Amino acid sequence: MSIFTQQHIDDVQEVIKKSNGQGHITKKMLLGDEEAEVNRQNQRIQQLMEEVDSMPEGQTKEMMQDCIQDMLSFYGFGLSRILDIISNSSSAAAKDIYNKLIEDGFVSSLLLIHELHPLDLKTRLHVALEKVRPYIDGHGGHIEILSLENGIAKIKLSGNCKGCPSSENTLELGIKKAVEECCPDLLGLEVEGVE
């Protein structure tokens, strides 16, 4: 019996779609050939999963889905053990490695797929906004989280950002990108103060 449901497989597909050459796998996170290889693998996995989905119902399709679920469970258990070993170490180096792992966009996505990410969605949303806060503050603006309910975040731009003609560009280029990188599991983002 697998602990993974069809929703887990759908989540894997969604993260893969978001990371195919855009999304949250960027050159900052991976270098040259690594980026190309990860994107190639993501595309291949997506293709294979779509082929399994399109198979007629029957024993072969069920066996393929069970295989995928068991592989996800197996690797999820491995990731969980790695995090446990690192987080249970008292050395400063282990804590540094642990923090680097959870801050890495690619690793973070894997942790989210397996429901292992140590930071909840609200905390990761705060982290994302802190990344863009210096830019917004530098232009006399302010950003705040109004609410986070049912996977939908509502944020507010105020100060010089409210009604500023470039606030939409700020939103597109900065805020949405930071939120997508830290919170690929966020279902929606609503922003007040943008024309």
N, C-alpha and C. Protein backbone atom coordinates (compact mmCIF):
# COMPACT_ATOMS: atom_id res chain seq x y z
N MET A 1 0.85 -1.19 0.00
CA MET A 1 0.00 0.00 0.00
C MET A 1 0.89 1.24 0.00
N SER A 2 0.66 2.14 -0.92
CA SER A 2 1.46 3.34 -1.04
C SER A 2 0.85 4.47 -0.22
N ILE A 3 1.72 5.35 0.29
CA ILE A 3 1.22 6.49 1.04
C ILE A 3 0.90 7.65 0.09
N PHE A 4 1.22 7.48 -1.20
CA PHE A 4 1.00 8.55 -2.16
C PHE A 4 -0.31 8.35 -2.89
N THR A 5 -1.02 9.43 -3.08
CA THR A 5 -2.30 9.41 -3.78
C THR A 5 -2.12 10.01 -5.17
N GLN A 6 -3.19 10.00 -5.94
CA GLN A 6 -3.16 10.63 -7.24
C GLN A 6 -2.84 12.13 -7.10
N GLN A 7 -3.26 12.74 -5.98
CA GLN A 7 -2.95 14.15 -5.75
C GLN A 7 -1.45 14.37 -5.65
N HIS A 8 -0.73 13.43 -5.01
CA HIS A 8 0.73 13.55 -4.94
C HIS A 8 1.34 13.51 -6.33
N ILE A 9 0.85 12.61 -7.18
CA ILE A 9 1.37 12.52 -8.54
C ILE A 9 1.04 13.80 -9.30
N ASP A 10 -0.16 14.33 -9.10
CA ASP A 10 -0.53 15.61 -9.74
C ASP A 10 0.40 16.73 -9.26
N ASP A 11 0.75 16.73 -7.97
CA ASP A 11 1.66 17.74 -7.44
C ASP A 11 3.03 17.64 -8.09
N VAL A 12 3.51 16.41 -8.27
CA VAL A 12 4.80 16.20 -8.94
C VAL A 12 4.74 16.78 -10.35
N GLN A 13 3.65 16.48 -11.07
CA GLN A 13 3.51 16.99 -12.43
C GLN A 13 3.50 18.51 -12.44
N GLU A 14 2.83 19.13 -11.48
CA GLU A 14 2.74 20.59 -11.44
C GLU A 14 4.11 21.21 -11.20
N VAL A 15 4.88 20.66 -10.27
CA VAL A 15 6.22 21.19 -10.01
C VAL A 15 7.11 21.00 -11.24
N ILE A 16 6.98 19.86 -11.89
CA ILE A 16 7.77 19.62 -13.10
C ILE A 16 7.40 20.63 -14.18
N LYS A 17 6.11 20.88 -14.38
CA LYS A 17 5.68 21.87 -15.39
C LYS A 17 6.26 23.24 -15.09
N LYS A 18 6.22 23.64 -13.82
CA LYS A 18 6.72 24.95 -13.44
C LYS A 18 8.22 25.07 -13.60
N SER A 19 8.92 23.95 -13.56
CA SER A 19 10.38 24.03 -13.60
C SER A 19 10.98 23.73 -14.97
N ASN A 20 10.18 23.48 -15.96
CA ASN A 20 10.71 23.19 -17.30
C ASN A 20 11.24 24.45 -17.96
N GLY A 21 12.49 24.81 -17.64
CA GLY A 21 13.15 25.93 -18.29
C GLY A 21 12.64 27.29 -17.85
N GLN A 22 11.71 27.35 -16.95
CA GLN A 22 11.23 28.63 -16.44
C GLN A 22 11.04 28.47 -14.95
N GLY A 23 9.85 28.63 -14.45
CA GLY A 23 9.55 28.38 -13.06
C GLY A 23 10.66 28.69 -12.09
N HIS A 24 10.86 27.81 -11.12
CA HIS A 24 11.79 28.11 -10.06
C HIS A 24 13.16 27.44 -10.21
N ILE A 25 13.42 26.72 -11.28
CA ILE A 25 14.78 26.24 -11.52
C ILE A 25 15.45 27.26 -12.43
N THR A 26 16.40 27.97 -11.89
CA THR A 26 17.06 29.03 -12.65
C THR A 26 18.55 28.81 -12.67
N LYS A 27 19.24 29.61 -13.49
CA LYS A 27 20.69 29.50 -13.59
C LYS A 27 21.35 29.79 -12.25
N LYS A 28 20.69 30.58 -11.40
CA LYS A 28 21.24 30.84 -10.08
C LYS A 28 21.34 29.55 -9.27
N MET A 29 20.37 28.67 -9.47
CA MET A 29 20.30 27.46 -8.67
C MET A 29 21.12 26.33 -9.27
N LEU A 30 21.23 26.31 -10.59
CA LEU A 30 21.98 25.26 -11.26
C LEU A 30 22.91 25.91 -12.26
N LEU A 31 24.00 25.25 -12.56
CA LEU A 31 24.98 25.81 -13.47
C LEU A 31 24.91 25.13 -14.82
N GLY A 32 24.84 25.91 -15.89
CA GLY A 32 24.94 25.48 -17.27
C GLY A 32 24.40 24.11 -17.59
N ASP A 33 25.31 23.11 -17.70
CA ASP A 33 24.94 21.77 -18.10
C ASP A 33 23.97 21.12 -17.11
N GLU A 34 24.13 21.42 -15.83
CA GLU A 34 23.20 20.88 -14.83
C GLU A 34 21.78 21.35 -15.11
N GLU A 35 21.63 22.63 -15.40
CA GLU A 35 20.31 23.18 -15.68
C GLU A 35 19.69 22.49 -16.88
N ALA A 36 20.46 22.35 -17.95
CA ALA A 36 19.94 21.71 -19.17
C ALA A 36 19.55 20.26 -18.89
N GLU A 37 20.37 19.56 -18.12
CA GLU A 37 20.08 18.15 -17.82
C GLU A 37 18.85 18.01 -16.94
N VAL A 38 18.72 18.84 -15.92
CA VAL A 38 17.54 18.77 -15.06
C VAL A 38 16.28 19.08 -15.86
N ASN A 39 16.34 20.09 -16.71
CA ASN A 39 15.17 20.43 -17.53
C ASN A 39 14.85 19.31 -18.51
N ARG A 40 15.87 18.66 -19.07
CA ARG A 40 15.64 17.53 -19.98
C ARG A 40 14.97 16.39 -19.22
N GLN A 41 15.47 16.11 -18.03
CA GLN A 41 14.87 15.04 -17.22
C GLN A 41 13.43 15.38 -16.83
N ASN A 42 13.19 16.62 -16.46
CA ASN A 42 11.82 17.04 -16.11
C ASN A 42 10.87 16.84 -17.28
N GLN A 43 11.30 17.24 -18.46
CA GLN A 43 10.46 17.08 -19.65
C GLN A 43 10.19 15.61 -19.93
N ARG A 44 11.19 14.78 -19.76
CA ARG A 44 11.03 13.34 -20.01
C ARG A 44 10.09 12.72 -18.99
N ILE A 45 10.23 13.08 -17.73
CA ILE A 45 9.33 12.57 -16.69
C ILE A 45 7.90 13.00 -16.97
N GLN A 46 7.73 14.27 -17.34
CA GLN A 46 6.39 14.78 -17.66
C GLN A 46 5.79 14.00 -18.82
N GLN A 47 6.58 13.75 -19.84
CA GLN A 47 6.11 12.99 -21.01
C GLN A 47 5.69 11.58 -20.60
N LEU A 48 6.51 10.90 -19.81
CA LEU A 48 6.19 9.54 -19.38
C LEU A 48 4.94 9.51 -18.51
N MET A 49 4.79 10.49 -17.62
CA MET A 49 3.60 10.52 -16.76
C MET A 49 2.35 10.77 -17.58
N GLU A 50 2.45 11.61 -18.59
CA GLU A 50 1.30 11.85 -19.47
C GLU A 50 0.95 10.58 -20.25
N GLU A 51 1.97 9.83 -20.67
CA GLU A 51 1.72 8.57 -21.38
C GLU A 51 1.03 7.57 -20.47
N VAL A 52 1.45 7.49 -19.21
CA VAL A 52 0.79 6.59 -18.26
C VAL A 52 -0.66 7.03 -18.06
N ASP A 53 -0.90 8.34 -17.92
CA ASP A 53 -2.26 8.84 -17.74
C ASP A 53 -3.16 8.51 -18.92
N SER A 54 -2.59 8.50 -20.12
CA SER A 54 -3.40 8.27 -21.32
C SER A 54 -3.62 6.79 -21.61
N MET A 55 -2.98 5.90 -20.85
CA MET A 55 -3.16 4.46 -21.05
C MET A 55 -4.59 4.08 -20.72
N PRO A 56 -5.12 3.08 -21.42
CA PRO A 56 -6.46 2.61 -21.06
C PRO A 56 -6.44 1.99 -19.67
N GLU A 57 -7.57 2.06 -18.98
CA GLU A 57 -7.65 1.47 -17.65
C GLU A 57 -7.34 -0.01 -17.74
N GLY A 58 -6.64 -0.49 -16.75
CA GLY A 58 -6.32 -1.91 -16.73
C GLY A 58 -5.13 -2.19 -15.84
N GLN A 59 -4.71 -3.44 -15.86
CA GLN A 59 -3.66 -3.91 -14.97
C GLN A 59 -2.33 -3.19 -15.23
N THR A 60 -1.99 -2.96 -16.49
CA THR A 60 -0.71 -2.31 -16.80
C THR A 60 -0.68 -0.88 -16.29
N LYS A 61 -1.77 -0.14 -16.49
CA LYS A 61 -1.83 1.24 -16.01
C LYS A 61 -1.74 1.28 -14.48
N GLU A 62 -2.48 0.40 -13.82
CA GLU A 62 -2.43 0.36 -12.35
C GLU A 62 -1.04 0.03 -11.85
N MET A 63 -0.37 -0.91 -12.54
CA MET A 63 0.98 -1.30 -12.14
C MET A 63 1.95 -0.13 -12.33
N MET A 64 1.83 0.61 -13.42
CA MET A 64 2.69 1.77 -13.66
C MET A 64 2.45 2.84 -12.59
N GLN A 65 1.18 3.10 -12.27
CA GLN A 65 0.88 4.10 -11.24
C GLN A 65 1.40 3.67 -9.87
N ASP A 66 1.27 2.38 -9.56
CA ASP A 66 1.81 1.87 -8.29
C ASP A 66 3.33 2.01 -8.26
N CYS A 67 3.96 1.75 -9.39
CA CYS A 67 5.42 1.87 -9.47
C CYS A 67 5.85 3.32 -9.22
N ILE A 68 5.17 4.26 -9.85
CA ILE A 68 5.48 5.68 -9.66
C ILE A 68 5.29 6.07 -8.20
N GLN A 69 4.17 5.64 -7.62
CA GLN A 69 3.89 5.98 -6.23
C GLN A 69 4.94 5.38 -5.29
N ASP A 70 5.31 4.13 -5.53
CA ASP A 70 6.30 3.49 -4.66
C ASP A 70 7.67 4.13 -4.82
N MET A 71 8.03 4.54 -6.03
CA MET A 71 9.31 5.23 -6.22
C MET A 71 9.31 6.57 -5.50
N LEU A 72 8.21 7.31 -5.61
CA LEU A 72 8.11 8.58 -4.90
C LEU A 72 8.23 8.36 -3.39
N SER A 73 7.56 7.36 -2.90
CA SER A 73 7.61 7.06 -1.47
C SER A 73 9.03 6.69 -1.04
N PHE A 74 9.70 5.87 -1.85
CA PHE A 74 11.06 5.44 -1.56
C PHE A 74 12.01 6.63 -1.49
N TYR A 75 11.97 7.50 -2.51
CA TYR A 75 12.86 8.66 -2.52
C TYR A 75 12.45 9.69 -1.47
N GLY A 76 11.17 9.80 -1.19
CA GLY A 76 10.73 10.69 -0.13
C GLY A 76 11.25 10.26 1.22
N PHE A 77 11.25 8.94 1.45
CA PHE A 77 11.81 8.42 2.71
C PHE A 77 13.30 8.75 2.79
N GLY A 78 14.01 8.61 1.67
CA GLY A 78 15.44 8.94 1.64
C GLY A 78 15.70 10.40 1.95
N LEU A 79 14.90 11.28 1.35
CA LEU A 79 15.04 12.72 1.62
C LEU A 79 14.77 13.02 3.09
N SER A 80 13.76 12.37 3.62
CA SER A 80 13.42 12.57 5.03
C SER A 80 14.57 12.16 5.93
N ARG A 81 15.19 11.03 5.63
CA ARG A 81 16.33 10.56 6.43
C ARG A 81 17.51 11.53 6.33
N ILE A 82 17.78 12.03 5.12
CA ILE A 82 18.87 12.99 4.94
C ILE A 82 18.64 14.22 5.80
N LEU A 83 17.43 14.77 5.75
CA LEU A 83 17.11 15.95 6.56
C LEU A 83 17.23 15.65 8.05
N ASP A 84 16.74 14.48 8.46
CA ASP A 84 16.82 14.11 9.88
C ASP A 84 18.27 14.01 10.35
N ILE A 85 19.11 13.36 9.56
CA ILE A 85 20.51 13.20 9.94
C ILE A 85 21.19 14.55 10.06
N ILE A 86 20.96 15.42 9.07
CA ILE A 86 21.60 16.74 9.10
C ILE A 86 21.05 17.59 10.23
N SER A 87 19.73 17.60 10.40
CA SER A 87 19.13 18.48 11.42
C SER A 87 19.42 18.00 12.84
N ASN A 88 19.70 16.71 13.01
CA ASN A 88 20.00 16.20 14.35
C ASN A 88 21.46 16.38 14.74
N SER A 89 22.27 16.86 13.81
CA SER A 89 23.67 17.13 14.13
C SER A 89 23.77 18.49 14.81
N SER A 90 24.65 18.59 15.76
CA SER A 90 24.77 19.85 16.49
C SER A 90 25.85 20.77 15.93
N SER A 91 26.53 20.35 14.86
CA SER A 91 27.62 21.16 14.33
C SER A 91 27.09 22.35 13.53
N ALA A 92 27.84 23.42 13.53
CA ALA A 92 27.47 24.61 12.76
C ALA A 92 27.46 24.31 11.27
N ALA A 93 28.38 23.46 10.82
CA ALA A 93 28.44 23.09 9.40
C ALA A 93 27.17 22.37 8.98
N ALA A 94 26.66 21.47 9.81
CA ALA A 94 25.43 20.75 9.49
C ALA A 94 24.24 21.70 9.41
N LYS A 95 24.18 22.65 10.33
CA LYS A 95 23.08 23.62 10.30
C LYS A 95 23.16 24.49 9.05
N ASP A 96 24.37 24.84 8.64
CA ASP A 96 24.56 25.62 7.42
C ASP A 96 24.11 24.82 6.19
N ILE A 97 24.48 23.55 6.14
CA ILE A 97 24.07 22.68 5.03
C ILE A 97 22.55 22.56 5.01
N TYR A 98 21.96 22.34 6.17
CA TYR A 98 20.50 22.22 6.28
C TYR A 98 19.82 23.47 5.72
N ASN A 99 20.28 24.64 6.14
CA ASN A 99 19.68 25.89 5.67
C ASN A 99 19.86 26.07 4.16
N LYS A 100 21.04 25.73 3.66
CA LYS A 100 21.27 25.84 2.22
C LYS A 100 20.36 24.91 1.43
N LEU A 101 20.12 23.72 1.96
CA LEU A 101 19.24 22.78 1.28
C LEU A 101 17.81 23.32 1.21
N ILE A 102 17.29 23.81 2.32
CA ILE A 102 15.89 24.27 2.29
C ILE A 102 15.72 25.59 1.56
N GLU A 103 16.82 26.34 1.37
CA GLU A 103 16.75 27.60 0.61
C GLU A 103 16.93 27.38 -0.89
N ASP A 104 17.47 26.24 -1.29
CA ASP A 104 17.69 25.94 -2.70
C ASP A 104 16.34 25.66 -3.37
N GLY A 105 16.05 26.38 -4.45
CA GLY A 105 14.76 26.25 -5.11
C GLY A 105 14.44 24.85 -5.58
N PHE A 106 15.41 24.18 -6.15
CA PHE A 106 15.18 22.83 -6.67
C PHE A 106 14.94 21.84 -5.53
N VAL A 107 15.80 21.87 -4.52
CA VAL A 107 15.64 20.97 -3.37
C VAL A 107 14.34 21.29 -2.64
N SER A 108 14.04 22.58 -2.52
CA SER A 108 12.80 22.99 -1.87
C SER A 108 11.58 22.39 -2.56
N SER A 109 11.59 22.38 -3.89
CA SER A 109 10.48 21.78 -4.64
C SER A 109 10.34 20.29 -4.34
N LEU A 110 11.47 19.60 -4.28
CA LEU A 110 11.42 18.17 -3.94
C LEU A 110 10.86 17.96 -2.54
N LEU A 111 11.27 18.81 -1.61
CA LEU A 111 10.77 18.69 -0.24
C LEU A 111 9.27 18.95 -0.19
N LEU A 112 8.79 19.90 -0.98
CA LEU A 112 7.36 20.20 -1.01
C LEU A 112 6.57 19.03 -1.59
N ILE A 113 7.10 18.41 -2.64
CA ILE A 113 6.42 17.26 -3.23
C ILE A 113 6.20 16.17 -2.18
N HIS A 114 7.18 15.98 -1.34
CA HIS A 114 7.12 14.92 -0.34
C HIS A 114 6.61 15.40 1.01
N GLU A 115 6.10 16.64 1.05
CA GLU A 115 5.56 17.23 2.27
C GLU A 115 6.59 17.20 3.40
N LEU A 116 7.85 17.50 3.05
CA LEU A 116 8.95 17.48 4.01
C LEU A 116 9.51 18.86 4.30
N HIS A 117 9.03 19.87 3.59
CA HIS A 117 9.62 21.20 3.78
C HIS A 117 9.37 21.65 5.21
N PRO A 118 10.43 22.06 5.92
CA PRO A 118 10.26 22.42 7.32
C PRO A 118 9.54 23.76 7.53
N LEU A 119 9.48 24.59 6.50
CA LEU A 119 8.81 25.89 6.64
C LEU A 119 7.41 25.81 6.05
N ASP A 120 6.43 26.31 6.80
CA ASP A 120 5.08 26.31 6.28
C ASP A 120 4.92 27.38 5.20
N LEU A 121 3.79 27.36 4.52
CA LEU A 121 3.55 28.27 3.40
C LEU A 121 3.63 29.73 3.83
N LYS A 122 3.07 30.07 4.98
CA LYS A 122 3.08 31.45 5.44
C LYS A 122 4.51 31.94 5.68
N THR A 123 5.33 31.10 6.30
CA THR A 123 6.73 31.48 6.55
C THR A 123 7.47 31.68 5.23
N ARG A 124 7.25 30.77 4.27
CA ARG A 124 7.92 30.89 2.98
C ARG A 124 7.44 32.12 2.21
N LEU A 125 6.17 32.50 2.40
CA LEU A 125 5.66 33.73 1.77
C LEU A 125 6.36 34.95 2.37
N HIS A 126 6.54 34.96 3.68
CA HIS A 126 7.29 36.04 4.33
C HIS A 126 8.72 36.12 3.79
N VAL A 127 9.36 34.97 3.63
CA VAL A 127 10.73 34.92 3.09
C VAL A 127 10.75 35.53 1.69
N ALA A 128 9.77 35.18 0.87
CA ALA A 128 9.71 35.70 -0.50
C ALA A 128 9.58 37.22 -0.51
N LEU A 129 8.71 37.74 0.34
CA LEU A 129 8.50 39.19 0.37
C LEU A 129 9.71 39.92 0.95
N GLU A 130 10.42 39.28 1.86
CA GLU A 130 11.64 39.89 2.40
C GLU A 130 12.71 40.04 1.32
N LYS A 131 12.68 39.16 0.34
CA LYS A 131 13.64 39.26 -0.77
C LYS A 131 13.43 40.52 -1.59
N VAL A 132 12.17 40.94 -1.75
CA VAL A 132 11.88 42.12 -2.58
C VAL A 132 11.67 43.39 -1.75
N ARG A 133 11.57 43.23 -0.45
CA ARG A 133 11.31 44.39 0.42
C ARG A 133 12.34 45.51 0.26
N PRO A 134 13.66 45.22 0.17
CA PRO A 134 14.63 46.31 0.03
C PRO A 134 14.38 47.15 -1.23
N TYR A 135 14.01 46.52 -2.32
CA TYR A 135 13.73 47.24 -3.55
C TYR A 135 12.49 48.13 -3.38
N ILE A 136 11.44 47.57 -2.80
CA ILE A 136 10.19 48.33 -2.62
C ILE A 136 10.41 49.46 -1.62
N ASP A 137 11.09 49.18 -0.50
CA ASP A 137 11.37 50.22 0.49
C ASP A 137 12.23 51.33 -0.12
N GLY A 138 13.18 50.94 -0.97
CA GLY A 138 14.07 51.92 -1.61
C GLY A 138 13.33 52.88 -2.53
N HIS A 139 12.12 52.51 -2.95
CA HIS A 139 11.31 53.37 -3.79
C HIS A 139 10.14 53.99 -3.02
N GLY A 140 10.25 53.97 -1.70
CA GLY A 140 9.23 54.62 -0.87
C GLY A 140 7.95 53.83 -0.76
N GLY A 141 7.99 52.56 -1.05
CA GLY A 141 6.79 51.73 -0.96
C GLY A 141 6.84 50.80 0.22
N HIS A 142 5.73 50.13 0.44
CA HIS A 142 5.61 49.16 1.52
C HIS A 142 4.84 47.97 0.99
N ILE A 143 5.13 46.83 1.55
CA ILE A 143 4.42 45.61 1.17
C ILE A 143 4.06 44.86 2.44
N GLU A 144 2.84 44.34 2.47
CA GLU A 144 2.41 43.58 3.64
C GLU A 144 1.47 42.46 3.22
N ILE A 145 1.46 41.41 4.02
CA ILE A 145 0.54 40.30 3.80
C ILE A 145 -0.76 40.63 4.53
N LEU A 146 -1.85 40.63 3.80
CA LEU A 146 -3.15 40.87 4.41
C LEU A 146 -3.75 39.58 4.93
N SER A 147 -3.64 38.52 4.13
CA SER A 147 -4.19 37.23 4.55
C SER A 147 -3.58 36.11 3.72
N LEU A 148 -3.72 34.92 4.26
CA LEU A 148 -3.35 33.70 3.55
C LEU A 148 -4.37 32.65 3.96
N GLU A 149 -5.31 32.40 3.07
CA GLU A 149 -6.39 31.46 3.36
C GLU A 149 -6.62 30.56 2.16
N ASN A 150 -6.77 29.29 2.43
CA ASN A 150 -7.05 28.29 1.38
C ASN A 150 -6.05 28.36 0.24
N GLY A 151 -4.80 28.64 0.55
CA GLY A 151 -3.75 28.68 -0.46
C GLY A 151 -3.71 29.94 -1.30
N ILE A 152 -4.56 30.92 -0.97
CA ILE A 152 -4.60 32.19 -1.69
C ILE A 152 -4.03 33.29 -0.78
N ALA A 153 -3.00 33.96 -1.27
CA ALA A 153 -2.38 35.05 -0.50
C ALA A 153 -2.90 36.38 -1.01
N LYS A 154 -3.20 37.26 -0.08
CA LYS A 154 -3.57 38.64 -0.41
C LYS A 154 -2.50 39.53 0.19
N ILE A 155 -1.87 40.33 -0.68
CA ILE A 155 -0.85 41.26 -0.21
C ILE A 155 -1.24 42.67 -0.63
N LYS A 156 -0.62 43.64 0.02
CA LYS A 156 -0.96 45.04 -0.25
C LYS A 156 0.32 45.83 -0.50
N LEU A 157 0.32 46.56 -1.61
CA LEU A 157 1.37 47.52 -1.89
C LEU A 157 0.85 48.89 -1.50
N SER A 158 1.65 49.65 -0.76
CA SER A 158 1.21 50.98 -0.35
C SER A 158 2.40 51.94 -0.45
N GLY A 159 2.19 53.16 0.01
CA GLY A 159 3.23 54.18 -0.11
C GLY A 159 3.36 54.59 -1.57
N ASN A 160 4.56 54.83 -2.03
CA ASN A 160 4.77 55.26 -3.41
C ASN A 160 4.42 54.18 -4.42
N CYS A 161 4.30 52.91 -3.98
CA CYS A 161 3.96 51.83 -4.90
C CYS A 161 2.49 51.89 -5.32
N LYS A 162 1.62 52.37 -4.41
CA LYS A 162 0.19 52.38 -4.71
C LYS A 162 -0.09 53.33 -5.86
N GLY A 163 -0.62 52.75 -6.91
CA GLY A 163 -0.98 53.55 -8.08
C GLY A 163 0.18 53.96 -8.95
N CYS A 164 1.40 53.59 -8.59
CA CYS A 164 2.57 53.94 -9.39
C CYS A 164 2.49 53.21 -10.72
N PRO A 165 2.76 53.92 -11.84
CA PRO A 165 2.68 53.26 -13.15
C PRO A 165 3.61 52.05 -13.27
N SER A 166 4.70 52.05 -12.54
CA SER A 166 5.62 50.92 -12.65
C SER A 166 5.32 49.83 -11.62
N SER A 167 4.27 49.99 -10.80
CA SER A 167 3.98 49.00 -9.77
C SER A 167 3.61 47.66 -10.38
N GLU A 168 2.96 47.68 -11.54
CA GLU A 168 2.62 46.41 -12.20
C GLU A 168 3.88 45.69 -12.65
N ASN A 169 4.87 46.45 -13.16
CA ASN A 169 6.14 45.82 -13.53
C ASN A 169 6.86 45.29 -12.31
N THR A 170 6.82 46.06 -11.21
CA THR A 170 7.44 45.61 -9.96
C THR A 170 6.81 44.29 -9.54
N LEU A 171 5.50 44.23 -9.63
CA LEU A 171 4.78 43.02 -9.26
C LEU A 171 5.21 41.86 -10.15
N GLU A 172 5.17 42.07 -11.46
CA GLU A 172 5.50 40.99 -12.39
C GLU A 172 6.94 40.52 -12.24
N LEU A 173 7.87 41.45 -12.23
CA LEU A 173 9.28 41.10 -12.26
C LEU A 173 9.84 40.68 -10.92
N GLY A 174 9.34 41.28 -9.86
CA GLY A 174 9.93 41.03 -8.55
C GLY A 174 9.10 40.15 -7.65
N ILE A 175 7.95 40.64 -7.30
CA ILE A 175 7.14 39.96 -6.28
C ILE A 175 6.70 38.58 -6.75
N LYS A 176 6.10 38.51 -7.93
CA LYS A 176 5.59 37.21 -8.40
C LYS A 176 6.72 36.20 -8.55
N LYS A 177 7.86 36.64 -9.04
CA LYS A 177 8.99 35.73 -9.21
C LYS A 177 9.47 35.21 -7.86
N ALA A 178 9.62 36.10 -6.90
CA ALA A 178 10.08 35.69 -5.57
C ALA A 178 9.08 34.74 -4.92
N VAL A 179 7.78 35.05 -5.06
CA VAL A 179 6.75 34.19 -4.47
C VAL A 179 6.74 32.83 -5.16
N GLU A 180 6.85 32.82 -6.48
CA GLU A 180 6.85 31.54 -7.20
C GLU A 180 8.04 30.67 -6.79
N GLU A 181 9.19 31.29 -6.59
CA GLU A 181 10.38 30.53 -6.21
C GLU A 181 10.25 29.95 -4.81
N CYS A 182 9.70 30.71 -3.88
CA CYS A 182 9.60 30.25 -2.49
C CYS A 182 8.32 29.47 -2.22
N CYS A 183 7.28 29.72 -3.00
CA CYS A 183 5.97 29.15 -2.71
C CYS A 183 5.31 28.56 -3.97
N PRO A 184 5.94 27.57 -4.60
CA PRO A 184 5.32 27.01 -5.82
C PRO A 184 3.98 26.35 -5.53
N ASP A 185 3.69 26.06 -4.26
CA ASP A 185 2.44 25.45 -3.87
C ASP A 185 1.34 26.46 -3.57
N LEU A 186 1.63 27.76 -3.69
CA LEU A 186 0.62 28.79 -3.48
C LEU A 186 -0.39 28.71 -4.63
N LEU A 187 -1.66 28.72 -4.32
CA LEU A 187 -2.68 28.57 -5.35
C LEU A 187 -3.03 29.87 -6.04
N GLY A 188 -2.83 30.99 -5.37
CA GLY A 188 -3.16 32.28 -5.98
C GLY A 188 -2.55 33.42 -5.21
N LEU A 189 -2.36 34.54 -5.93
CA LEU A 189 -1.81 35.74 -5.32
C LEU A 189 -2.65 36.93 -5.77
N GLU A 190 -3.25 37.62 -4.82
CA GLU A 190 -4.04 38.82 -5.09
C GLU A 190 -3.31 39.99 -4.49
N VAL A 191 -3.21 41.09 -5.26
CA VAL A 191 -2.45 42.25 -4.82
C VAL A 191 -3.32 43.49 -4.84
N GLU A 192 -3.39 44.16 -3.70
CA GLU A 192 -4.06 45.46 -3.63
C GLU A 192 -3.04 46.55 -3.88
N GLY A 193 -3.47 47.62 -4.50
CA GLY A 193 -2.59 48.77 -4.71
C GLY A 193 -1.91 48.78 -6.06
N VAL A 194 -2.34 47.89 -6.96
CA VAL A 194 -1.79 47.87 -8.32
C VAL A 194 -2.90 48.25 -9.27
N GLU A 195 -2.60 49.20 -10.18
CA GLU A 195 -3.60 49.62 -11.15
C GLU A 195 -3.96 48.46 -12.05
